[in-house]
Amino acid sequence: WEVAGPPVVLDARTRAVDRAYRALFGDRVDGPELAEAAA
């Protein structure tokens, strides 16, 4: 937590998920199947 506090880590975690999933799933990230699965 001296490196980064939890709020900062959580913000970075969201950015990291976004980047990782976009790299992993490509165009399917914005597709209707993923949106339905997420819901």
PDB file of all heavy atoms in Angstrom:
ATOM      1  N   TRP A   1       0.822  -1.211   0.000  1.00  0.00           N
ATOM      2  CA  TRP A   1       0.000   0.000   0.000  1.00  0.00           C
ATOM      3  C   TRP A   1       0.854   1.259   0.000  1.00  0.00           C
ATOM      4  O   TRP A   1       0.335   2.352  -0.268  1.00  0.00           O
ATOM      5  CB  TRP A   1      -0.945  -0.001   1.192  1.00  0.00           C
ATOM      6  CG  TRP A   1      -1.808  -1.219   1.306  1.00  0.00           C
ATOM      7  CD1 TRP A   1      -2.054  -1.951   2.430  1.00  0.00           C
ATOM      8  CD2 TRP A   1      -2.563  -1.860   0.260  1.00  0.00           C
ATOM      9  NE1 TRP A   1      -2.898  -2.998   2.168  1.00  0.00           N
ATOM     10  CE2 TRP A   1      -3.231  -2.976   0.837  1.00  0.00           C
ATOM     11  CE3 TRP A   1      -2.734  -1.613  -1.101  1.00  0.00           C
ATOM     12  CZ2 TRP A   1      -4.045  -3.825   0.086  1.00  0.00           C
ATOM     13  CZ3 TRP A   1      -3.539  -2.462  -1.847  1.00  0.00           C
ATOM     14  CH2 TRP A   1      -4.185  -3.544  -1.261  1.00  0.00           C
ATOM     15  N   GLU A   2       2.139   1.131   0.311  1.00  0.00           N
ATOM     16  CA  GLU A   2       3.030   2.285   0.204  1.00  0.00           C
ATOM     17  C   GLU A   2       3.377   2.574  -1.253  1.00  0.00           C
ATOM     18  O   GLU A   2       3.736   3.694  -1.604  1.00  0.00           O
ATOM     19  CB  GLU A   2       4.306   2.037   1.013  1.00  0.00           C
ATOM     20  CG  GLU A   2       4.048   1.875   2.510  1.00  0.00           C
ATOM     21  CD  GLU A   2       5.301   1.515   3.280  1.00  0.00           C
ATOM     22  OE1 GLU A   2       6.404   1.549   2.684  1.00  0.00           O
ATOM     23  OE2 GLU A   2       5.179   1.191   4.473  1.00  0.00           O
ATOM     24  N   VAL A   3       3.273   1.560  -2.098  1.00  0.00           N
ATOM     25  CA  VAL A   3       3.483   1.746  -3.538  1.00  0.00           C
ATOM     26  C   VAL A   3       2.273   2.438  -4.146  1.00  0.00           C
ATOM     27  O   VAL A   3       2.394   3.424  -4.894  1.00  0.00           O
ATOM     28  CB  VAL A   3       3.731   0.393  -4.231  1.00  0.00           C
ATOM     29  CG1 VAL A   3       3.894   0.580  -5.746  1.00  0.00           C
ATOM     30  CG2 VAL A   3       4.944  -0.296  -3.640  1.00  0.00           C
ATOM     31  N   ALA A   4       1.099   1.932  -3.824  1.00  0.00           N
ATOM     32  CA  ALA A   4      -0.156   2.524  -4.299  1.00  0.00           C
ATOM     33  C   ALA A   4      -1.273   2.102  -3.358  1.00  0.00           C
ATOM     34  O   ALA A   4      -1.357   0.930  -2.987  1.00  0.00           O
ATOM     35  CB  ALA A   4      -0.466   2.070  -5.720  1.00  0.00           C
ATOM     36  N   GLY A   5      -2.112   3.038  -2.973  1.00  0.00           N
ATOM     37  CA  GLY A   5      -3.214   2.730  -2.084  1.00  0.00           C
ATOM     38  C   GLY A   5      -4.332   2.005  -2.813  1.00  0.00           C
ATOM     39  O   GLY A   5      -4.407   2.025  -4.052  1.00  0.00           O
ATOM     40  N   PRO A   6      -5.232   1.353  -2.059  1.00  0.00           N
ATOM     41  CA  PRO A   6      -6.296   0.581  -2.690  1.00  0.00           C
ATOM     42  C   PRO A   6      -7.131   1.324  -3.735  1.00  0.00           C
ATOM     43  O   PRO A   6      -7.412   0.747  -4.788  1.00  0.00           O
ATOM     44  CB  PRO A   6      -7.143   0.123  -1.491  1.00  0.00           C
ATOM     45  CG  PRO A   6      -6.146  -0.008  -0.382  1.00  0.00           C
ATOM     46  CD  PRO A   6      -5.202   1.144  -0.588  1.00  0.00           C
ATOM     47  N   PRO A   7      -7.536   2.588  -3.517  1.00  0.00           N
ATOM     48  CA  PRO A   7      -8.320   3.255  -4.576  1.00  0.00           C
ATOM     49  C   PRO A   7      -7.550   3.385  -5.883  1.00  0.00           C
ATOM     50  O   PRO A   7      -8.119   3.209  -6.973  1.00  0.00           O
ATOM     51  CB  PRO A   7      -8.642   4.626  -3.968  1.00  0.00           C
ATOM     52  CG  PRO A   7      -8.573   4.412  -2.491  1.00  0.00           C
ATOM     53  CD  PRO A   7      -7.451   3.437  -2.298  1.00  0.00           C
ATOM     54  N   VAL A   8      -6.256   3.683  -5.781  1.00  0.00           N
ATOM     55  CA  VAL A   8      -5.435   3.803  -6.984  1.00  0.00           C
ATOM     56  C   VAL A   8      -5.286   2.440  -7.650  1.00  0.00           C
ATOM     57  O   VAL A   8      -5.354   2.317  -8.885  1.00  0.00           O
ATOM     58  CB  VAL A   8      -4.053   4.394  -6.634  1.00  0.00           C
ATOM     59  CG1 VAL A   8      -3.127   4.394  -7.845  1.00  0.00           C
ATOM     60  CG2 VAL A   8      -4.204   5.814  -6.085  1.00  0.00           C
ATOM     61  N   VAL A   9      -5.094   1.414  -6.846  1.00  0.00           N
ATOM     62  CA  VAL A   9      -4.962   0.052  -7.385  1.00  0.00           C
ATOM     63  C   VAL A   9      -6.250  -0.367  -8.094  1.00  0.00           C
ATOM     64  O   VAL A   9      -6.216  -0.962  -9.174  1.00  0.00           O
ATOM     65  CB  VAL A   9      -4.605  -0.942  -6.267  1.00  0.00           C
ATOM     66  CG1 VAL A   9      -4.677  -2.376  -6.766  1.00  0.00           C
ATOM     67  CG2 VAL A   9      -3.202  -0.646  -5.725  1.00  0.00           C
ATOM     68  N   LEU A  10      -7.394  -0.046  -7.517  1.00  0.00           N
ATOM     69  CA  LEU A  10      -8.664  -0.433  -8.129  1.00  0.00           C
ATOM     70  C   LEU A  10      -8.883   0.271  -9.469  1.00  0.00           C
ATOM     71  O   LEU A  10      -9.381  -0.332 -10.427  1.00  0.00           O
ATOM     72  CB  LEU A  10      -9.821  -0.140  -7.177  1.00  0.00           C
ATOM     73  CG  LEU A  10      -9.931  -1.084  -5.975  1.00  0.00           C
ATOM     74  CD1 LEU A  10     -10.980  -0.582  -4.997  1.00  0.00           C
ATOM     75  CD2 LEU A  10     -10.267  -2.505  -6.424  1.00  0.00           C
ATOM     76  N   ASP A  11      -8.512   1.543  -9.539  1.00  0.00           N
ATOM     77  CA  ASP A  11      -8.613   2.249 -10.821  1.00  0.00           C
ATOM     78  C   ASP A  11      -7.709   1.597 -11.868  1.00  0.00           C
ATOM     79  O   ASP A  11      -8.110   1.405 -13.024  1.00  0.00           O
ATOM     80  CB  ASP A  11      -8.220   3.724 -10.653  1.00  0.00           C
ATOM     81  CG  ASP A  11      -9.299   4.534  -9.953  1.00  0.00           C
ATOM     82  OD1 ASP A  11     -10.454   4.067  -9.884  1.00  0.00           O
ATOM     83  OD2 ASP A  11      -8.988   5.642  -9.467  1.00  0.00           O
ATOM     84  N   ALA A  12      -6.498   1.258 -11.452  1.00  0.00           N
ATOM     85  CA  ALA A  12      -5.566   0.601 -12.380  1.00  0.00           C
ATOM     86  C   ALA A  12      -6.057  -0.786 -12.744  1.00  0.00           C
ATOM     87  O   ALA A  12      -5.846  -1.257 -13.869  1.00  0.00           O
ATOM     88  CB  ALA A  12      -4.174   0.531 -11.757  1.00  0.00           C
ATOM     89  N   ARG A  13      -6.724  -1.459 -11.814  1.00  0.00           N
ATOM     90  CA  ARG A  13      -7.259  -2.793 -12.089  1.00  0.00           C
ATOM     91  C   ARG A  13      -8.293  -2.725 -13.202  1.00  0.00           C
ATOM     92  O   ARG A  13      -8.319  -3.581 -14.101  1.00  0.00           O
ATOM     93  CB  ARG A  13      -7.869  -3.385 -10.810  1.00  0.00           C
ATOM     94  CG  ARG A  13      -8.232  -4.852 -10.927  1.00  0.00           C
ATOM     95  CD  ARG A  13      -8.599  -5.464  -9.578  1.00  0.00           C
ATOM     96  NE  ARG A  13     -10.005  -5.291  -9.251  1.00  0.00           N
ATOM     97  CZ  ARG A  13     -10.653  -5.995  -8.310  1.00  0.00           C
ATOM     98  NH1 ARG A  13     -10.005  -6.918  -7.602  1.00  0.00           N
ATOM     99  NH2 ARG A  13     -11.920  -5.783  -8.053  1.00  0.00           N
ATOM    100  N   THR A  14      -9.135  -1.704 -13.172  1.00  0.00           N
ATOM    101  CA  THR A  14     -10.128  -1.541 -14.229  1.00  0.00           C
ATOM    102  C   THR A  14      -9.459  -1.303 -15.577  1.00  0.00           C
ATOM    103  O   THR A  14      -9.856  -1.889 -16.594  1.00  0.00           O
ATOM    104  CB  THR A  14     -11.075  -0.377 -13.890  1.00  0.00           C
ATOM    105  OG1 THR A  14     -11.751  -0.664 -12.659  1.00  0.00           O
ATOM    106  CG2 THR A  14     -12.101  -0.167 -14.987  1.00  0.00           C
ATOM    107  N   ARG A  15      -8.448  -0.441 -15.591  1.00  0.00           N
ATOM    108  CA  ARG A  15      -7.727  -0.206 -16.849  1.00  0.00           C
ATOM    109  C   ARG A  15      -7.069  -1.486 -17.341  1.00  0.00           C
ATOM    110  O   ARG A  15      -7.059  -1.783 -18.547  1.00  0.00           O
ATOM    111  CB  ARG A  15      -6.650   0.868 -16.653  1.00  0.00           C
ATOM    112  CG  ARG A  15      -7.172   2.272 -16.411  1.00  0.00           C
ATOM    113  CD  ARG A  15      -6.067   3.299 -16.586  1.00  0.00           C
ATOM    114  NE  ARG A  15      -4.928   3.080 -15.696  1.00  0.00           N
ATOM    115  CZ  ARG A  15      -4.837   3.550 -14.457  1.00  0.00           C
ATOM    116  NH1 ARG A  15      -5.847   4.259 -13.939  1.00  0.00           N
ATOM    117  NH2 ARG A  15      -3.769   3.320 -13.715  1.00  0.00           N
ATOM    118  N   ALA A  16      -6.519  -2.258 -16.405  1.00  0.00           N
ATOM    119  CA  ALA A  16      -5.822  -3.493 -16.781  1.00  0.00           C
ATOM    120  C   ALA A  16      -6.792  -4.517 -17.359  1.00  0.00           C
ATOM    121  O   ALA A  16      -6.479  -5.197 -18.343  1.00  0.00           O
ATOM    122  CB  ALA A  16      -5.093  -4.064 -15.569  1.00  0.00           C
ATOM    123  N   VAL A  17      -7.968  -4.658 -16.750  1.00  0.00           N
ATOM    124  CA  VAL A  17      -8.966  -5.580 -17.287  1.00  0.00           C
ATOM    125  C   VAL A  17      -9.371  -5.151 -18.690  1.00  0.00           C
ATOM    126  O   VAL A  17      -9.469  -5.981 -19.612  1.00  0.00           O
ATOM    127  CB  VAL A  17     -10.214  -5.638 -16.378  1.00  0.00           C
ATOM    128  CG1 VAL A  17     -11.325  -6.453 -17.041  1.00  0.00           C
ATOM    129  CG2 VAL A  17      -9.875  -6.230 -15.025  1.00  0.00           C
ATOM    130  N   ASP A  18      -9.608  -3.865 -18.870  1.00  0.00           N
ATOM    131  CA  ASP A  18      -9.997  -3.359 -20.179  1.00  0.00           C
ATOM    132  C   ASP A  18      -8.952  -3.716 -21.235  1.00  0.00           C
ATOM    133  O   ASP A  18      -9.275  -4.261 -22.294  1.00  0.00           O
ATOM    134  CB  ASP A  18     -10.170  -1.841 -20.100  1.00  0.00           C
ATOM    135  CG  ASP A  18     -10.510  -1.223 -21.446  1.00  0.00           C
ATOM    136  OD1 ASP A  18     -11.503  -1.633 -22.055  1.00  0.00           O
ATOM    137  OD2 ASP A  18      -9.755  -0.346 -21.900  1.00  0.00           O
ATOM    138  N   ARG A  19      -7.703  -3.441 -20.952  1.00  0.00           N
ATOM    139  CA  ARG A  19      -6.639  -3.708 -21.920  1.00  0.00           C
ATOM    140  C   ARG A  19      -6.466  -5.208 -22.163  1.00  0.00           C
ATOM    141  O   ARG A  19      -6.306  -5.650 -23.311  1.00  0.00           O
ATOM    142  CB  ARG A  19      -5.325  -3.102 -21.429  1.00  0.00           C
ATOM    143  CG  ARG A  19      -5.303  -1.577 -21.398  1.00  0.00           C
ATOM    144  CD  ARG A  19      -3.951  -1.081 -20.932  1.00  0.00           C
ATOM    145  NE  ARG A  19      -2.896  -1.560 -21.825  1.00  0.00           N
ATOM    146  CZ  ARG A  19      -1.615  -1.662 -21.473  1.00  0.00           C
ATOM    147  NH1 ARG A  19      -1.229  -1.348 -20.241  1.00  0.00           N
ATOM    148  NH2 ARG A  19      -0.723  -2.111 -22.347  1.00  0.00           N
ATOM    149  N   ALA A  20      -6.486  -5.985 -21.076  1.00  0.00           N
ATOM    150  CA  ALA A  20      -6.268  -7.436 -21.216  1.00  0.00           C
ATOM    151  C   ALA A  20      -7.386  -8.089 -22.010  1.00  0.00           C
ATOM    152  O   ALA A  20      -7.150  -8.930 -22.890  1.00  0.00           O
ATOM    153  CB  ALA A  20      -6.142  -8.079 -19.836  1.00  0.00           C
ATOM    154  N   TYR A  21      -8.626  -7.736 -21.718  1.00  0.00           N
ATOM    155  CA  TYR A  21      -9.756  -8.334 -22.431  1.00  0.00           C
ATOM    156  C   TYR A  21      -9.783  -7.892 -23.891  1.00  0.00           C
ATOM    157  O   TYR A  21     -10.149  -8.677 -24.774  1.00  0.00           O
ATOM    158  CB  TYR A  21     -11.063  -7.982 -21.732  1.00  0.00           C
ATOM    159  CG  TYR A  21     -11.519  -9.015 -20.720  1.00  0.00           C
ATOM    160  CD1 TYR A  21     -10.625  -9.900 -20.127  1.00  0.00           C
ATOM    161  CD2 TYR A  21     -12.860  -9.097 -20.343  1.00  0.00           C
ATOM    162  CE1 TYR A  21     -11.051 -10.832 -19.201  1.00  0.00           C
ATOM    163  CE2 TYR A  21     -13.297 -10.024 -19.415  1.00  0.00           C
ATOM    164  CZ  TYR A  21     -12.392 -10.897 -18.840  1.00  0.00           C
ATOM    165  OH  TYR A  21     -12.828 -11.828 -17.924  1.00  0.00           O
ATOM    166  N   ARG A  22      -9.436  -6.649 -24.167  1.00  0.00           N
ATOM    167  CA  ARG A  22      -9.408  -6.193 -25.559  1.00  0.00           C
ATOM    168  C   ARG A  22      -8.331  -6.949 -26.344  1.00  0.00           C
ATOM    169  O   ARG A  22      -8.543  -7.317 -27.506  1.00  0.00           O
ATOM    170  CB  ARG A  22      -9.194  -4.685 -25.636  1.00  0.00           C
ATOM    171  CG  ARG A  22     -10.399  -3.886 -25.181  1.00  0.00           C
ATOM    172  CD  ARG A  22     -10.257  -2.394 -25.397  1.00  0.00           C
ATOM    173  NE  ARG A  22     -11.426  -1.701 -24.893  1.00  0.00           N
ATOM    174  CZ  ARG A  22     -12.586  -1.592 -25.549  1.00  0.00           C
ATOM    175  NH1 ARG A  22     -12.703  -2.140 -26.758  1.00  0.00           N
ATOM    176  NH2 ARG A  22     -13.613  -0.956 -25.020  1.00  0.00           N
ATOM    177  N   ALA A  23      -7.194  -7.186 -25.698  1.00  0.00           N
ATOM    178  CA  ALA A  23      -6.141  -7.947 -26.369  1.00  0.00           C
ATOM    179  C   ALA A  23      -6.546  -9.404 -26.564  1.00  0.00           C
ATOM    180  O   ALA A  23      -6.226 -10.022 -27.583  1.00  0.00           O
ATOM    181  CB  ALA A  23      -4.847  -7.862 -25.566  1.00  0.00           C
ATOM    182  N   LEU A  24      -7.267  -9.940 -25.614  1.00  0.00           N
ATOM    183  CA  LEU A  24      -7.628 -11.358 -25.628  1.00  0.00           C
ATOM    184  C   LEU A  24      -8.796 -11.652 -26.574  1.00  0.00           C
ATOM    185  O   LEU A  24      -8.785 -12.651 -27.300  1.00  0.00           O
ATOM    186  CB  LEU A  24      -7.990 -11.794 -24.210  1.00  0.00           C
ATOM    187  CG  LEU A  24      -8.097 -13.285 -23.896  1.00  0.00           C
ATOM    188  CD1 LEU A  24      -6.762 -13.989 -24.159  1.00  0.00           C
ATOM    189  CD2 LEU A  24      -8.512 -13.466 -22.432  1.00  0.00           C
ATOM    190  N   PHE A  25      -9.802 -10.782 -26.562  1.00  0.00           N
ATOM    191  CA  PHE A  25     -11.040 -11.069 -27.275  1.00  0.00           C
ATOM    192  C   PHE A  25     -11.220 -10.260 -28.562  1.00  0.00           C
ATOM    193  O   PHE A  25     -12.126 -10.540 -29.341  1.00  0.00           O
ATOM    194  CB  PHE A  25     -12.239 -10.829 -26.363  1.00  0.00           C
ATOM    195  CG  PHE A  25     -12.222 -11.636 -25.094  1.00  0.00           C
ATOM    196  CD1 PHE A  25     -12.605 -11.082 -23.888  1.00  0.00           C
ATOM    197  CD2 PHE A  25     -11.823 -12.968 -25.102  1.00  0.00           C
ATOM    198  CE1 PHE A  25     -12.600 -11.819 -22.718  1.00  0.00           C
ATOM    199  CE2 PHE A  25     -11.807 -13.721 -23.936  1.00  0.00           C
ATOM    200  CZ  PHE A  25     -12.196 -13.140 -22.737  1.00  0.00           C
ATOM    201  N   GLY A  26     -10.399  -9.248 -28.778  1.00  0.00           N
ATOM    202  CA  GLY A  26     -10.485  -8.466 -30.002  1.00  0.00           C
ATOM    203  C   GLY A  26     -11.829  -7.784 -30.166  1.00  0.00           C
ATOM    204  O   GLY A  26     -12.403  -7.249 -29.207  1.00  0.00           O
ATOM    205  N   ASP A  27     -12.371  -7.824 -31.375  1.00  0.00           N
ATOM    206  CA  ASP A  27     -13.623  -7.142 -31.686  1.00  0.00           C
ATOM    207  C   ASP A  27     -14.805  -7.703 -30.909  1.00  0.00           C
ATOM    208  O   ASP A  27     -15.834  -7.022 -30.752  1.00  0.00           O
ATOM    209  CB  ASP A  27     -13.919  -7.231 -33.187  1.00  0.00           C
ATOM    210  CG  ASP A  27     -12.932  -6.445 -34.029  1.00  0.00           C
ATOM    211  OD1 ASP A  27     -12.232  -5.583 -33.460  1.00  0.00           O
ATOM    212  OD2 ASP A  27     -12.853  -6.693 -35.250  1.00  0.00           O
ATOM    213  N   ARG A  28     -14.690  -8.931 -30.405  1.00  0.00           N
ATOM    214  CA  ARG A  28     -15.795  -9.533 -29.669  1.00  0.00           C
ATOM    215  C   ARG A  28     -16.081  -8.808 -28.357  1.00  0.00           C
ATOM    216  O   ARG A  28     -17.161  -8.972 -27.774  1.00  0.00           O
ATOM    217  CB  ARG A  28     -15.508 -11.006 -29.395  1.00  0.00           C
ATOM    218  CG  ARG A  28     -15.623 -11.888 -30.639  1.00  0.00           C
ATOM    219  CD  ARG A  28     -15.309 -13.340 -30.338  1.00  0.00           C
ATOM    220  NE  ARG A  28     -13.918 -13.534 -29.970  1.00  0.00           N
ATOM    221  CZ  ARG A  28     -13.379 -14.690 -29.603  1.00  0.00           C
ATOM    222  NH1 ARG A  28     -14.150 -15.776 -29.552  1.00  0.00           N
ATOM    223  NH2 ARG A  28     -12.107 -14.794 -29.308  1.00  0.00           N
ATOM    224  N   VAL A  29     -15.126  -7.991 -27.894  1.00  0.00           N
ATOM    225  CA  VAL A  29     -15.347  -7.203 -26.680  1.00  0.00           C
ATOM    226  C   VAL A  29     -16.593  -6.328 -26.821  1.00  0.00           C
ATOM    227  O   VAL A  29     -17.331  -6.123 -25.845  1.00  0.00           O
ATOM    228  CB  VAL A  29     -14.099  -6.332 -26.375  1.00  0.00           C
ATOM    229  CG1 VAL A  29     -14.450  -5.173 -25.465  1.00  0.00           C
ATOM    230  CG2 VAL A  29     -13.026  -7.186 -25.712  1.00  0.00           C
ATOM    231  N   ASP A  30     -16.831  -5.820 -27.998  1.00  0.00           N
ATOM    232  CA  ASP A  30     -17.965  -4.919 -28.221  1.00  0.00           C
ATOM    233  C   ASP A  30     -19.152  -5.621 -28.876  1.00  0.00           C
ATOM    234  O   ASP A  30     -20.091  -4.962 -29.336  1.00  0.00           O
ATOM    235  CB  ASP A  30     -17.520  -3.744 -29.101  1.00  0.00           C
ATOM    236  CG  ASP A  30     -16.398  -2.937 -28.450  1.00  0.00           C
ATOM    237  OD1 ASP A  30     -16.533  -2.618 -27.257  1.00  0.00           O
ATOM    238  OD2 ASP A  30     -15.394  -2.651 -29.128  1.00  0.00           O
ATOM    239  N   GLY A  31     -19.143  -6.938 -28.908  1.00  0.00           N
ATOM    240  CA  GLY A  31     -20.195  -7.693 -29.573  1.00  0.00           C
ATOM    241  C   GLY A  31     -21.390  -7.971 -28.683  1.00  0.00           C
ATOM    242  O   GLY A  31     -21.318  -7.892 -27.447  1.00  0.00           O
ATOM    243  N   PRO A  32     -22.525  -8.326 -29.285  1.00  0.00           N
ATOM    244  CA  PRO A  32     -23.747  -8.586 -28.516  1.00  0.00           C
ATOM    245  C   PRO A  32     -23.655  -9.828 -27.638  1.00  0.00           C
ATOM    246  O   PRO A  32     -24.309  -9.896 -26.592  1.00  0.00           O
ATOM    247  CB  PRO A  32     -24.808  -8.759 -29.606  1.00  0.00           C
ATOM    248  CG  PRO A  32     -24.047  -9.160 -30.836  1.00  0.00           C
ATOM    249  CD  PRO A  32     -22.736  -8.441 -30.742  1.00  0.00           C
ATOM    250  N   GLU A  33     -22.844 -10.819 -28.043  1.00  0.00           N
ATOM    251  CA  GLU A  33     -22.733 -12.036 -27.227  1.00  0.00           C
ATOM    252  C   GLU A  33     -22.087 -11.732 -25.886  1.00  0.00           C
ATOM    253  O   GLU A  33     -22.536 -12.222 -24.844  1.00  0.00           O
ATOM    254  CB  GLU A  33     -21.931 -13.101 -27.971  1.00  0.00           C
ATOM    255  CG  GLU A  33     -22.611 -13.639 -29.213  1.00  0.00           C
ATOM    256  CD  GLU A  33     -22.412 -12.761 -30.429  1.00  0.00           C
ATOM    257  OE1 GLU A  33     -21.655 -11.761 -30.327  1.00  0.00           O
ATOM    258  OE2 GLU A  33     -22.992 -13.071 -31.489  1.00  0.00           O
ATOM    259  N   LEU A  34     -21.029 -10.935 -25.894  1.00  0.00           N
ATOM    260  CA  LEU A  34     -20.387 -10.612 -24.626  1.00  0.00           C
ATOM    261  C   LEU A  34     -21.310  -9.767 -23.764  1.00  0.00           C
ATOM    262  O   LEU A  34     -21.388  -9.961 -22.545  1.00  0.00           O
ATOM    263  CB  LEU A  34     -19.050  -9.900 -24.851  1.00  0.00           C
ATOM    264  CG  LEU A  34     -18.193  -9.755 -23.582  1.00  0.00           C
ATOM    265  CD1 LEU A  34     -16.710  -9.864 -23.909  1.00  0.00           C
ATOM    266  CD2 LEU A  34     -18.465  -8.449 -22.866  1.00  0.00           C
ATOM    267  N   ALA A  35     -22.018  -8.824 -24.386  1.00  0.00           N
ATOM    268  CA  ALA A  35     -22.937  -7.988 -23.613  1.00  0.00           C
ATOM    269  C   ALA A  35     -24.020  -8.832 -22.948  1.00  0.00           C
ATOM    270  O   ALA A  35     -24.380  -8.612 -21.775  1.00  0.00           O
ATOM    271  CB  ALA A  35     -23.564  -6.936 -24.527  1.00  0.00           C
ATOM    272  N   GLU A  36     -24.541  -9.813 -23.674  1.00  0.00           N
ATOM    273  CA  GLU A  36     -25.567 -10.687 -23.097  1.00  0.00           C
ATOM    274  C   GLU A  36     -24.986 -11.540 -21.977  1.00  0.00           C
ATOM    275  O   GLU A  36     -25.614 -11.715 -20.913  1.00  0.00           O
ATOM    276  CB  GLU A  36     -26.168 -11.577 -24.189  1.00  0.00           C
ATOM    277  CG  GLU A  36     -27.322 -12.431 -23.696  1.00  0.00           C
ATOM    278  CD  GLU A  36     -27.901 -13.341 -24.768  1.00  0.00           C
ATOM    279  OE1 GLU A  36     -27.486 -13.244 -25.944  1.00  0.00           O
ATOM    280  OE2 GLU A  36     -28.775 -14.168 -24.426  1.00  0.00           O
ATOM    281  N   ALA A  37     -23.789 -12.072 -22.197  1.00  0.00           N
ATOM    282  CA  ALA A  37     -23.130 -12.869 -21.155  1.00  0.00           C
ATOM    283  C   ALA A  37     -22.881 -12.035 -19.913  1.00  0.00           C
ATOM    284  O   ALA A  37     -23.081 -12.496 -18.775  1.00  0.00           O
ATOM    285  CB  ALA A  37     -21.823 -13.445 -21.685  1.00  0.00           C
ATOM    286  N   ALA A  38     -22.443 -10.800 -20.097  1.00  0.00           N
ATOM    287  CA  ALA A  38     -22.152  -9.920 -18.962  1.00  0.00           C
ATOM    288  C   ALA A  38     -23.414  -9.650 -18.154  1.00  0.00           C
ATOM    289  O   ALA A  38     -23.391  -9.645 -16.914  1.00  0.00           O
ATOM    290  CB  ALA A  38     -21.539  -8.620 -19.458  1.00  0.00           C
ATOM    291  N   ALA A  39     -24.528  -9.426 -18.834  1.00  0.00           N
ATOM    292  CA  ALA A  39     -25.778  -9.142 -18.130  1.00  0.00           C
ATOM    293  C   ALA A  39     -26.233 -10.348 -17.309  1.00  0.00           C
ATOM    294  O   ALA A  39     -26.685 -10.201 -16.159  1.00  0.00           O
ATOM    295  CB  ALA A  39     -26.853  -8.743 -19.138  1.00  0.00           C
TER     296      ALA A  39
END
